[in-house]
C-alpha atoms as a PDB file:
ATOM      1  CA  MET A   1     111.276  30.484 116.385  1.00  0.00           C
ATOM      2  CA  ALA A   2     109.045  27.584 115.703  1.00  0.00           C
ATOM      3  CA  LYS A   3     106.937  27.987 112.713  1.00  0.00           C
ATOM      4  CA  VAL A   4     103.222  27.829 113.318  1.00  0.00           C
ATOM      5  CA  LYS A   5     101.401  25.817 110.726  1.00  0.00           C
ATOM      6  CA  ILE A   6      98.158  27.406 109.786  1.00  0.00           C
ATOM      7  CA  GLU A   7      95.604  25.066 108.342  1.00  0.00           C
ATOM      8  CA  LYS A   8      93.087  26.438 105.959  1.00  0.00           C
ATOM      9  CA  LEU A   9      89.550  25.823 107.065  1.00  0.00           C
ATOM     10  CA  PRO A  10      87.256  24.437 104.387  1.00  0.00           C
ATOM     11  CA  LEU A  11      84.868  26.964 103.018  1.00  0.00           C
ATOM     12  CA  ALA A  12      81.336  26.509 104.148  1.00  0.00           C
ATOM     13  CA  LYS A  13      79.264  24.931 101.494  1.00  0.00           C
ATOM     14  CA  LYS A  14      76.129  26.650 100.466  1.00  0.00           C
ATOM     15  CA  ASP A  15      73.055  25.012 101.782  1.00  0.00           C
ATOM     16  CA  LYS A  16      71.549  22.974  99.082  1.00  0.00           C
ATOM     17  CA  PRO A  17      67.808  23.235  98.710  1.00  0.00           C
ATOM     18  CA  GLY A  18      65.988  20.262 100.088  1.00  0.00           C
ATOM     19  CA  PRO A  19      64.285  17.814  97.819  1.00  0.00           C
ATOM     20  CA  SER A  20      61.059  19.118  96.350  1.00  0.00           C
ATOM     21  CA  HIS A  21      57.852  17.614  97.677  1.00  0.00           C
ATOM     22  CA  LYS A  22      56.588  14.792  95.547  1.00  0.00           C
ATOM     23  CA  PHE A  23      52.999  13.691  95.360  1.00  0.00           C
ATOM     24  CA  GLY A  24      52.518  10.535  97.331  1.00  0.00           C
ATOM     25  CA  ARG A  25      49.666   8.078  97.400  1.00  0.00           C
ATOM     26  CA  MET A  26      47.840   9.992 100.135  1.00  0.00           C
ATOM     27  CA  ASP A  27      48.049  13.210  98.094  1.00  0.00           C
ATOM     28  CA  VAL A  28      46.509  11.453  95.120  1.00  0.00           C
ATOM     29  CA  VAL A  29      43.718  10.033  97.282  1.00  0.00           C
ATOM     30  CA  LEU A  30      42.961  13.454  98.814  1.00  0.00           C
ATOM     31  CA  PHE A  31      42.984  15.054  95.370  1.00  0.00           C
ATOM     32  CA  ILE A  32      40.491  12.511  94.061  1.00  0.00           C
ATOM     33  CA  ILE A  33      38.215  12.960  97.091  1.00  0.00           C
ATOM     34  CA  LEU A  34      38.262  16.762  96.753  1.00  0.00           C
ATOM     35  CA  LEU A  35      37.637  16.475  93.010  1.00  0.00           C
ATOM     36  CA  VAL A  36      34.603  14.269  93.624  1.00  0.00           C
ATOM     37  CA  PHE A  37      33.228  16.722  96.200  1.00  0.00           C
ATOM     38  CA  ALA A  38      33.790  19.622  93.796  1.00  0.00           C
ATOM     39  CA  LEU A  39      31.918  17.800  91.029  1.00  0.00           C
ATOM     40  CA  LEU A  40      29.057  16.972  93.403  1.00  0.00           C
ATOM     41  CA  ILE A  41      28.775  20.660  94.290  1.00  0.00           C
ATOM     42  CA  ILE A  42      28.989  21.917  90.699  1.00  0.00           C
ATOM     43  CA  PHE A  43      26.710  19.323  89.098  1.00  0.00           C
ATOM     44  CA  PRO A  44      23.349  20.658  90.449  1.00  0.00           C
ATOM     45  CA  PHE A  45      24.120  24.117  89.057  1.00  0.00           C
ATOM     46  CA  TYR A  46      25.199  22.586  85.752  1.00  0.00           C
ATOM     47  CA  TYR A  47      22.055  20.467  85.546  1.00  0.00           C
ATOM     48  CA  LEU A  48      19.798  23.457  86.262  1.00  0.00           C
ATOM     49  CA  PHE A  49      21.442  25.441  83.492  1.00  0.00           C
ATOM     50  CA  ILE A  50      21.270  22.573  80.983  1.00  0.00           C
ATOM     51  CA  VAL A  51      17.568  21.951  81.661  1.00  0.00           C
ATOM     52  CA  SER A  52      16.840  25.668  81.322  1.00  0.00           C
ATOM     53  CA  ILE A  53      18.336  25.819  77.807  1.00  0.00           C
ATOM     54  CA  THR A  54      17.129  22.416  76.550  1.00  0.00           C
ATOM     55  CA  PRO A  55      14.261  22.494  74.008  1.00  0.00           C
ATOM     56  CA  PRO A  56      11.043  20.846  75.301  1.00  0.00           C
ATOM     57  CA  ASP A  57      11.067  17.981  72.770  1.00  0.00           C
ATOM     58  CA  ILE A  58      14.540  16.857  73.849  1.00  0.00           C
ATOM     59  CA  TYR A  59      13.747  17.231  77.555  1.00  0.00           C
ATOM     60  CA  MET A  60      10.516  15.213  77.293  1.00  0.00           C
ATOM     61  CA  ASN A  61      12.401  12.321  75.708  1.00  0.00           C
ATOM     62  CA  ASN A  62      15.252  12.471  78.226  1.00  0.00           C
ATOM     63  CA  PRO A  63      14.507  14.280  81.540  1.00  0.00           C
ATOM     64  CA  ALA A  64      17.945  13.286  82.888  1.00  0.00           C
ATOM     65  CA  VAL A  65      19.657  15.250  80.149  1.00  0.00           C
ATOM     66  CA  ILE A  66      23.252  16.264  80.856  1.00  0.00           C
ATOM     67  CA  TRP A  67      23.978  17.629  77.384  1.00  0.00           C
ATOM     68  CA  THR A  68      21.781  19.123  74.707  1.00  0.00           C
ATOM     69  CA  PRO A  69      22.502  19.183  70.980  1.00  0.00           C
ATOM     70  CA  ARG A  70      20.244  22.214  70.548  1.00  0.00           C
ATOM     71  CA  VAL A  71      20.021  25.302  72.749  1.00  0.00           C
ATOM     72  CA  THR A  72      17.139  27.663  73.388  1.00  0.00           C
ATOM     73  CA  PHE A  73      17.035  30.739  75.613  1.00  0.00           C
ATOM     74  CA  GLU A  74      13.266  31.186  75.422  1.00  0.00           C
ATOM     75  CA  ALA A  75      12.917  30.363  79.117  1.00  0.00           C
ATOM     76  CA  TYR A  76      15.266  33.204  80.070  1.00  0.00           C
ATOM     77  CA  LYS A  77      13.362  35.485  77.726  1.00  0.00           C
ATOM     78  CA  GLY A  78      10.193  34.595  79.635  1.00  0.00           C
ATOM     79  CA  VAL A  79      11.957  35.249  82.961  1.00  0.00           C
ATOM     80  CA  PHE A  80      13.169  38.681  81.868  1.00  0.00           C
ATOM     81  CA  GLU A  81       9.689  39.582  80.623  1.00  0.00           C
ATOM     82  CA  ASP A  82       7.919  38.492  83.825  1.00  0.00           C
ATOM     83  CA  ARG A  83       6.915  41.594  85.805  1.00  0.00           C
ATOM     84  CA  ASN A  84       6.394  39.625  89.020  1.00  0.00           C
ATOM     85  CA  ILE A  85      10.012  38.454  88.981  1.00  0.00           C
ATOM     86  CA  TRP A  86      11.338  41.972  88.427  1.00  0.00           C
ATOM     87  CA  ASN A  87       9.093  43.378  91.132  1.00  0.00           C
ATOM     88  CA  GLY A  88      10.348  40.721  93.558  1.00  0.00           C
ATOM     89  CA  PHE A  89      13.902  41.449  92.440  1.00  0.00           C
ATOM     90  CA  GLY A  90      13.452  45.128  93.319  1.00  0.00           C
ATOM     91  CA  ILE A  91      12.057  44.332  96.785  1.00  0.00           C
ATOM     92  CA  THR A  92      14.897  41.898  97.426  1.00  0.00           C
ATOM     93  CA  CYS A  93      17.478  44.512  96.358  1.00  0.00           C
ATOM     94  CA  ILE A  94      16.004  46.908  98.931  1.00  0.00           C
ATOM     95  CA  LEU A  95      16.455  44.220 101.586  1.00  0.00           C
ATOM     96  CA  LEU A  96      19.928  43.382 100.286  1.00  0.00           C
ATOM     97  CA  PHE A  97      21.358  46.894 100.469  1.00  0.00           C
ATOM     98  CA  GLY A  98      19.155  48.762 102.937  1.00  0.00           C
ATOM     99  CA  GLY A  99      18.540  45.836 105.275  1.00  0.00           C
ATOM    100  CA  THR A 100      22.178  44.723 105.270  1.00  0.00           C
ATOM    101  CA  ALA A 101      23.440  48.238 106.088  1.00  0.00           C
ATOM    102  CA  TYR A 102      20.826  48.541 108.851  1.00  0.00           C
ATOM    103  CA  GLN A 103      21.811  45.193 110.381  1.00  0.00           C
ATOM    104  CA  ILE A 104      25.555  45.856 110.161  1.00  0.00           C
ATOM    105  CA  PHE A 105      25.115  49.214 111.908  1.00  0.00           C
ATOM    106  CA  PHE A 106      23.226  47.872 114.930  1.00  0.00           C
ATOM    107  CA  THR A 107      25.233  44.648 115.173  1.00  0.00           C
ATOM    108  CA  THR A 108      28.530  46.537 115.028  1.00  0.00           C
ATOM    109  CA  ILE A 109      27.727  49.195 117.635  1.00  0.00           C
ATOM    110  CA  THR A 110      26.286  46.566 119.973  1.00  0.00           C
ATOM    111  CA  GLY A 111      29.342  44.339 119.619  1.00  0.00           C
ATOM    112  CA  TYR A 112      31.645  47.310 120.193  1.00  0.00           C
ATOM    113  CA  ALA A 113      29.778  48.420 123.325  1.00  0.00           C
ATOM    114  CA  LEU A 114      29.889  44.917 124.814  1.00  0.00           C
ATOM    115  CA  SER A 115      33.611  44.582 124.053  1.00  0.00           C
ATOM    116  CA  ARG A 116      34.581  47.624 126.110  1.00  0.00           C
ATOM    117  CA  SER A 117      35.675  47.570 129.753  1.00  0.00           C
ATOM    118  CA  LYS A 118      33.165  46.906 132.487  1.00  0.00           C
ATOM    119  CA  TRP A 119      30.196  49.236 132.753  1.00  0.00           C
ATOM    120  CA  PHE A 120      27.081  49.027 134.899  1.00  0.00           C
ATOM    121  CA  GLY A 121      24.684  46.376 133.607  1.00  0.00           C
ATOM    122  CA  LYS A 122      27.024  44.981 130.946  1.00  0.00           C
ATOM    123  CA  ASN A 123      26.796  41.373 132.123  1.00  0.00           C
ATOM    124  CA  PHE A 124      23.010  41.589 132.430  1.00  0.00           C
ATOM    125  CA  VAL A 125      22.647  42.935 128.885  1.00  0.00           C
ATOM    126  CA  MET A 126      25.038  40.302 127.551  1.00  0.00           C
ATOM    127  CA  ASN A 127      23.141  37.475 129.243  1.00  0.00           C
ATOM    128  CA  MET A 128      19.798  38.763 127.973  1.00  0.00           C
ATOM    129  CA  ILE A 129      21.149  38.780 124.421  1.00  0.00           C
ATOM    130  CA  LEU A 130      22.593  35.281 124.781  1.00  0.00           C
ATOM    131  CA  VAL A 131      19.238  33.934 125.987  1.00  0.00           C
ATOM    132  CA  THR A 132      17.707  34.790 122.598  1.00  0.00           C
ATOM    133  CA  MET A 133      20.045  32.256 120.953  1.00  0.00           C
ATOM    134  CA  PHE A 134      18.388  29.392 122.820  1.00  0.00           C
ATOM    135  CA  PHE A 135      14.858  30.507 123.696  1.00  0.00           C
ATOM    136  CA  GLY A 136      12.107  32.357 121.857  1.00  0.00           C
ATOM    137  CA  GLY A 137       8.577  33.470 122.576  1.00  0.00           C
ATOM    138  CA  GLY A 138       7.081  31.300 119.841  1.00  0.00           C
ATOM    139  CA  LEU A 139       5.399  32.032 116.537  1.00  0.00           C
ATOM    140  CA  ILE A 140       1.998  33.189 117.867  1.00  0.00           C
ATOM    141  CA  PRO A 141       3.375  35.801 120.322  1.00  0.00           C
ATOM    142  CA  TYR A 142       5.727  36.957 117.566  1.00  0.00           C
ATOM    143  CA  TYR A 143       2.826  37.361 115.147  1.00  0.00           C
ATOM    144  CA  ILE A 144       0.781  39.268 117.751  1.00  0.00           C
ATOM    145  CA  LEU A 145       3.751  41.570 118.420  1.00  0.00           C
ATOM    146  CA  ILE A 146       4.295  42.349 114.728  1.00  0.00           C
ATOM    147  CA  LYS A 147       0.591  42.953 114.182  1.00  0.00           C
ATOM    148  CA  SER A 148       0.323  45.225 117.219  1.00  0.00           C
ATOM    149  CA  LEU A 149       3.224  47.296 115.867  1.00  0.00           C
ATOM    150  CA  GLY A 150       1.359  47.778 112.586  1.00  0.00           C
ATOM    151  CA  MET A 151       4.073  46.263 110.414  1.00  0.00           C
ATOM    152  CA  THR A 152       1.923  43.676 108.594  1.00  0.00           C
ATOM    153  CA  ASN A 153       1.726  44.156 104.816  1.00  0.00           C
ATOM    154  CA  THR A 154       4.746  46.466 104.887  1.00  0.00           C
ATOM    155  CA  ILE A 155       8.330  45.994 103.789  1.00  0.00           C
ATOM    156  CA  TRP A 156       9.502  46.987 107.288  1.00  0.00           C
ATOM    157  CA  VAL A 157       8.479  43.620 108.702  1.00  0.00           C
ATOM    158  CA  MET A 158      11.348  42.072 106.721  1.00  0.00           C
ATOM    159  CA  ILE A 159      13.915  44.639 107.918  1.00  0.00           C
ATOM    160  CA  ILE A 160      13.269  45.990 111.428  1.00  0.00           C
ATOM    161  CA  PRO A 161      12.921  42.704 113.428  1.00  0.00           C
ATOM    162  CA  GLY A 162      16.323  41.517 112.189  1.00  0.00           C
ATOM    163  CA  ALA A 163      18.332  44.471 113.496  1.00  0.00           C
ATOM    164  CA  ILE A 164      20.747  42.333 115.523  1.00  0.00           C
ATOM    165  CA  ASP A 165      21.819  38.760 114.918  1.00  0.00           C
ATOM    166  CA  THR A 166      23.271  37.306 118.116  1.00  0.00           C
ATOM    167  CA  PHE A 167      25.858  35.087 116.435  1.00  0.00           C
ATOM    168  CA  ASN A 168      27.187  37.886 114.214  1.00  0.00           C
ATOM    169  CA  MET A 169      27.159  40.291 117.155  1.00  0.00           C
ATOM    170  CA  LEU A 170      29.325  37.867 119.144  1.00  0.00           C
ATOM    171  CA  LEU A 171      31.778  37.677 116.235  1.00  0.00           C
ATOM    172  CA  MET A 172      32.044  41.472 116.192  1.00  0.00           C
ATOM    173  CA  ARG A 173      32.368  41.649 119.984  1.00  0.00           C
ATOM    174  CA  ASN A 174      35.165  39.067 120.027  1.00  0.00           C
ATOM    175  CA  TYR A 175      36.972  40.853 117.220  1.00  0.00           C
ATOM    176  CA  PHE A 176      36.837  44.248 118.928  1.00  0.00           C
ATOM    177  CA  ALA A 177      37.955  42.647 122.209  1.00  0.00           C
ATOM    178  CA  SER A 178      40.992  41.100 120.471  1.00  0.00           C
ATOM    179  CA  LEU A 179      42.322  44.499 119.336  1.00  0.00           C
ATOM    180  CA  PRO A 180      45.013  46.070 121.575  1.00  0.00           C
ATOM    181  CA  LYS A 181      43.625  48.264 124.339  1.00  0.00           C
ATOM    182  CA  GLU A 182      46.612  50.576 123.917  1.00  0.00           C
ATOM    183  CA  LEU A 183      44.979  51.953 120.765  1.00  0.00           C
ATOM    184  CA  GLU A 184      42.067  53.278 122.774  1.00  0.00           C
ATOM    185  CA  GLU A 185      44.297  54.591 125.558  1.00  0.00           C
ATOM    186  CA  SER A 186      46.573  56.524 123.211  1.00  0.00           C
ATOM    187  CA  ALA A 187      43.556  57.969 121.389  1.00  0.00           C
ATOM    188  CA  ARG A 188      42.088  59.203 124.670  1.00  0.00           C
ATOM    189  CA  ILE A 189      45.395  60.846 125.538  1.00  0.00           C
ATOM    190  CA  ASP A 190      45.120  62.728 122.228  1.00  0.00           C
ATOM    191  CA  GLY A 191      41.656  63.922 123.250  1.00  0.00           C
ATOM    192  CA  ALA A 192      39.449  61.583 121.178  1.00  0.00           C
ATOM    193  CA  ASN A 193      35.982  60.745 122.480  1.00  0.00           C
ATOM    194  CA  ASP A 194      34.175  57.393 122.249  1.00  0.00           C
ATOM    195  CA  VAL A 195      32.603  58.067 118.849  1.00  0.00           C
ATOM    196  CA  GLN A 196      35.896  59.216 117.319  1.00  0.00           C
ATOM    197  CA  ILE A 197      37.718  56.180 118.700  1.00  0.00           C
ATOM    198  CA  PHE A 198      35.086  53.858 117.242  1.00  0.00           C
ATOM    199  CA  VAL A 199      34.833  55.527 113.816  1.00  0.00           C
ATOM    200  CA  LYS A 200      38.458  56.503 113.174  1.00  0.00           C
ATOM    201  CA  ILE A 201      40.356  53.666 114.854  1.00  0.00           C
ATOM    202  CA  PHE A 202      38.332  50.511 115.375  1.00  0.00           C
ATOM    203  CA  LEU A 203      36.137  50.545 112.263  1.00  0.00           C
ATOM    204  CA  PRO A 204      39.052  50.791 109.774  1.00  0.00           C
ATOM    205  CA  LEU A 205      40.725  47.867 111.555  1.00  0.00           C
ATOM    206  CA  SER A 206      37.581  45.741 111.431  1.00  0.00           C
ATOM    207  CA  LEU A 207      37.057  45.660 107.654  1.00  0.00           C
ATOM    208  CA  PRO A 208      37.660  41.864 107.375  1.00  0.00           C
ATOM    209  CA  MET A 209      35.116  41.221 110.124  1.00  0.00           C
ATOM    210  CA  LEU A 210      32.627  43.696 108.632  1.00  0.00           C
ATOM    211  CA  ALA A 211      32.955  41.972 105.258  1.00  0.00           C
ATOM    212  CA  THR A 212      32.307  38.578 106.858  1.00  0.00           C
ATOM    213  CA  VAL A 213      29.287  39.719 108.847  1.00  0.00           C
ATOM    214  CA  GLY A 214      28.017  41.701 105.863  1.00  0.00           C
ATOM    215  CA  LEU A 215      28.214  38.570 103.716  1.00  0.00           C
ATOM    216  CA  PHE A 216      26.130  36.636 106.248  1.00  0.00           C
ATOM    217  CA  PHE A 217      23.513  39.381 106.322  1.00  0.00           C
ATOM    218  CA  ALA A 218      23.508  39.819 102.545  1.00  0.00           C
ATOM    219  CA  VAL A 219      22.903  36.127 101.874  1.00  0.00           C
ATOM    220  CA  GLY A 220      20.171  36.032 104.522  1.00  0.00           C
ATOM    221  CA  ASN A 221      18.414  39.075 103.053  1.00  0.00           C
ATOM    222  CA  TRP A 222      18.697  37.745  99.511  1.00  0.00           C
ATOM    223  CA  ASN A 223      17.073  34.476 100.578  1.00  0.00           C
ATOM    224  CA  SER A 224      14.489  36.213 102.781  1.00  0.00           C
ATOM    225  CA  TRP A 225      10.931  34.904 102.399  1.00  0.00           C
ATOM    226  CA  TYR A 226       9.693  33.639 105.791  1.00  0.00           C
ATOM    227  CA  ASN A 227       8.560  36.944 107.311  1.00  0.00           C
ATOM    228  CA  GLY A 228       7.063  37.975 104.001  1.00  0.00           C
ATOM    229  CA  MET A 229       5.101  34.738 103.838  1.00  0.00           C
ATOM    230  CA  LEU A 230       3.777  35.182 107.400  1.00  0.00           C
ATOM    231  CA  PHE A 231       2.939  38.880 107.458  1.00  0.00           C
ATOM    232  CA  ASN A 232       2.532  40.092 103.871  1.00  0.00           C
ATOM    233  CA  SER A 233      -0.473  39.309 101.696  1.00  0.00           C
ATOM    234  CA  ASP A 234       0.220  42.246  99.380  1.00  0.00           C
ATOM    235  CA  TYR A 235       1.626  40.909  96.100  1.00  0.00           C
ATOM    236  CA  SER A 236       3.400  44.192  95.372  1.00  0.00           C
ATOM    237  CA  ILE A 237       5.911  43.648  98.207  1.00  0.00           C
ATOM    238  CA  ARG A 238       6.695  39.984  97.697  1.00  0.00           C
ATOM    239  CA  THR A 239      10.392  39.137  97.654  1.00  0.00           C
ATOM    240  CA  LEU A 240      12.099  37.335  94.803  1.00  0.00           C
ATOM    241  CA  GLN A 241      12.172  34.097  96.795  1.00  0.00           C
ATOM    242  CA  GLN A 242       8.398  34.291  97.364  1.00  0.00           C
ATOM    243  CA  VAL A 243       7.838  34.761  93.637  1.00  0.00           C
ATOM    244  CA  LEU A 244      10.125  31.802  92.952  1.00  0.00           C
ATOM    245  CA  GLN A 245       8.210  29.687  95.481  1.00  0.00           C
ATOM    246  CA  ASP A 246       4.940  30.497  93.702  1.00  0.00           C
ATOM    247  CA  ILE A 247       6.461  29.581  90.337  1.00  0.00           C
ATOM    248  CA  ILE A 248       7.662  26.201  91.618  1.00  0.00           C
ATOM    249  CA  THR A 249       4.601  25.215  93.693  1.00  0.00           C
ATOM    250  CA  GLU A 250       1.864  26.637  91.440  1.00  0.00           C
ATOM    251  CA  PRO A 251       3.339  26.836  87.935  1.00  0.00           C
ATOM    252  CA  SER A 252       0.010  26.912  86.094  1.00  0.00           C
ATOM    253  CA  ALA A 253      -1.066  30.077  87.928  1.00  0.00           C
ATOM    254  CA  ASN A 254       2.262  31.920  88.063  1.00  0.00           C
ATOM    255  CA  ILE A 255       4.079  31.061  84.829  1.00  0.00           C
ATOM    256  CA  PRO A 256       3.230  33.381  81.940  1.00  0.00           C
ATOM    257  CA  ILE A 257       1.655  31.953  78.786  1.00  0.00           C
ATOM    258  CA  LEU A 258       4.501  30.451  76.784  1.00  0.00           C
ATOM    259  CA  ASN A 259       4.752  28.558  73.523  1.00  0.00           C
ATOM    260  CA  PRO A 260       4.845  24.878  74.633  1.00  0.00           C
ATOM    261  CA  GLU A 261       6.848  23.969  71.540  1.00  0.00           C
ATOM    262  CA  ARG A 262       9.638  26.372  72.474  1.00  0.00           C
ATOM    263  CA  VAL A 263       9.596  26.323  76.310  1.00  0.00           C
ATOM    264  CA  ASN A 264       7.804  24.292  78.985  1.00  0.00           C
ATOM    265  CA  GLU A 265       7.278  24.599  82.738  1.00  0.00           C
ATOM    266  CA  GLU A 266      10.537  22.860  83.636  1.00  0.00           C
ATOM    267  CA  ASN A 267      12.528  25.198  81.399  1.00  0.00           C
ATOM    268  CA  PHE A 268      10.925  28.237  82.987  1.00  0.00           C
ATOM    269  CA  LYS A 269      11.270  27.008  86.589  1.00  0.00           C
ATOM    270  CA  THR A 270      14.944  26.093  86.227  1.00  0.00           C
ATOM    271  CA  ALA A 271      15.679  29.376  84.450  1.00  0.00           C
ATOM    272  CA  ALA A 272      13.986  31.291  87.281  1.00  0.00           C
ATOM    273  CA  ILE A 273      15.982  29.330  89.882  1.00  0.00           C
ATOM    274  CA  PHE A 274      19.237  29.977  88.036  1.00  0.00           C
ATOM    275  CA  PHE A 275      18.342  33.659  87.729  1.00  0.00           C
ATOM    276  CA  THR A 276      17.949  33.967  91.524  1.00  0.00           C
ATOM    277  CA  ILE A 277      21.286  32.341  92.392  1.00  0.00           C
ATOM    278  CA  ILE A 278      23.506  34.175  89.882  1.00  0.00           C
ATOM    279  CA  PRO A 279      23.782  37.479  91.846  1.00  0.00           C
ATOM    280  CA  MET A 280      25.047  35.784  95.020  1.00  0.00           C
ATOM    281  CA  MET A 281      27.431  33.619  92.985  1.00  0.00           C
ATOM    282  CA  MET A 282      28.888  36.780  91.445  1.00  0.00           C
ATOM    283  CA  PHE A 283      28.943  38.699  94.734  1.00  0.00           C
ATOM    284  CA  TYR A 284      30.610  36.065  96.916  1.00  0.00           C
ATOM    285  CA  PRO A 285      34.092  35.875  95.247  1.00  0.00           C
ATOM    286  CA  PHE A 286      34.781  39.550  96.022  1.00  0.00           C
ATOM    287  CA  LEU A 287      34.356  38.941  99.774  1.00  0.00           C
ATOM    288  CA  GLN A 288      35.632  35.369  99.925  1.00  0.00           C
ATOM    289  CA  ARG A 289      39.180  36.418 100.859  1.00  0.00           C
ATOM    290  CA  TYR A 290      37.826  38.170 103.974  1.00  0.00           C
ATOM    291  CA  PHE A 291      35.525  35.316 104.930  1.00  0.00           C
ATOM    292  CA  VAL A 292      37.934  32.813 106.529  1.00  0.00           C
ATOM    293  CA  LYS A 293      40.091  35.562 108.057  1.00  0.00           C
ATOM    294  CA  GLY A 294      37.110  37.235 109.655  1.00  0.00           C
ATOM    295  CA  ILE A 295      35.727  34.008 111.104  1.00  0.00           C
ATOM    296  CA  VAL A 296      39.103  32.936 112.556  1.00  0.00           C
ATOM    297  CA  VAL A 297      39.964  36.338 114.038  1.00  0.00           C
ATOM    298  CA  GLY A 298      36.445  36.837 115.381  1.00  0.00           C
ATOM    299  CA  ALA A 299      36.618  33.554 117.276  1.00  0.00           C
ATOM    300  CA  ILE A 300      40.003  34.122 118.933  1.00  0.00           C
ATOM    301  CA  LYS A 301      38.878  35.780 122.118  1.00  0.00           C
ATOM    302  CA  GLY A 302      35.638  35.108 123.958  1.00  0.00           C
END
C-alpha cells in the first residue's frame, strides 16, 4: 500500500493586538481648542470668586485682579446675614421642588396620552399644543388673564401658568412612543388598566427622560424672575433672582450697611452672584449622565 504523507498544518498564530492609537497633529489641535473653550467657560466663575474674596484696597488698585495676596470672606458673611436673600432663597426653593414636581406631572401625563394609539381628537389637541410654540396672545392679554384669575401678588403666578412646556412634552411623547407596544399589550392581557400600565411599566422605564426634563424645569424655576417681576409687588414673595437683580441694579438701596474698609459693593454683588449659582452647579453633576441619553432617546421617534 502506498504510504500517505500527512503534512502538519501550521498552528494558527494568535492575533496580535493592533498598534495602539497615537496622538497625531489633529488630536493635539483639538485638545488645545477644547482646553481654550474650557478655560473660557471656567474663567468667569473664577473671576467672580476672586473678586468676592479680594479686600477692597487691593480691588480698587487693580479691578482686573486674577489673584489676591490677601483673602477676606466678609462679603459672604454679609450675604448670609441678609434676610432678603434668605427670603428669596426660600421662595425659589418652593418653586424648585414644588414647581418642578408640578410641571413634571402634567408634562409627563400629557406626553403619555399623546403617545398612545389614535383616539378621538388626538390630532386636534396635538396641533393646538404645537401652535403655542410659535404664537402667543401677547403680554397685555396675558397680564389681563392672570389678573382676572386673581393670581397677582401670589406665589401661584410663578407655578400654575407653567404647567406644561411644549418642548419638554414633545420629548416625553417621543420617548413613550419609542417604547415597544408589546409591553402595553402584555400588560393588558394580565388585566392591567391604563393607570397601572403607566405607573408600573412606562414610568420606571422613563427615568432617564424624567431626569432630563426635570433638569430643564429645575434650572428654569431656579432662574425664575420674569413672572414675579410682572405680577408681584409684594417683597415677601420675591424670588432669589429678583433679589439679586435689585442688588446689582440698585446697590445703595439693597446692600446692607457694610464696613467699606473690609468689603465694598463689588465684593458683595459678586458674592451674591456666586451664592446663587452654587446650588445648580452642585445639582447638575448628579443628573448629567442622564442628560445626553434622555435628549438622544427622546428625539428618536417623532
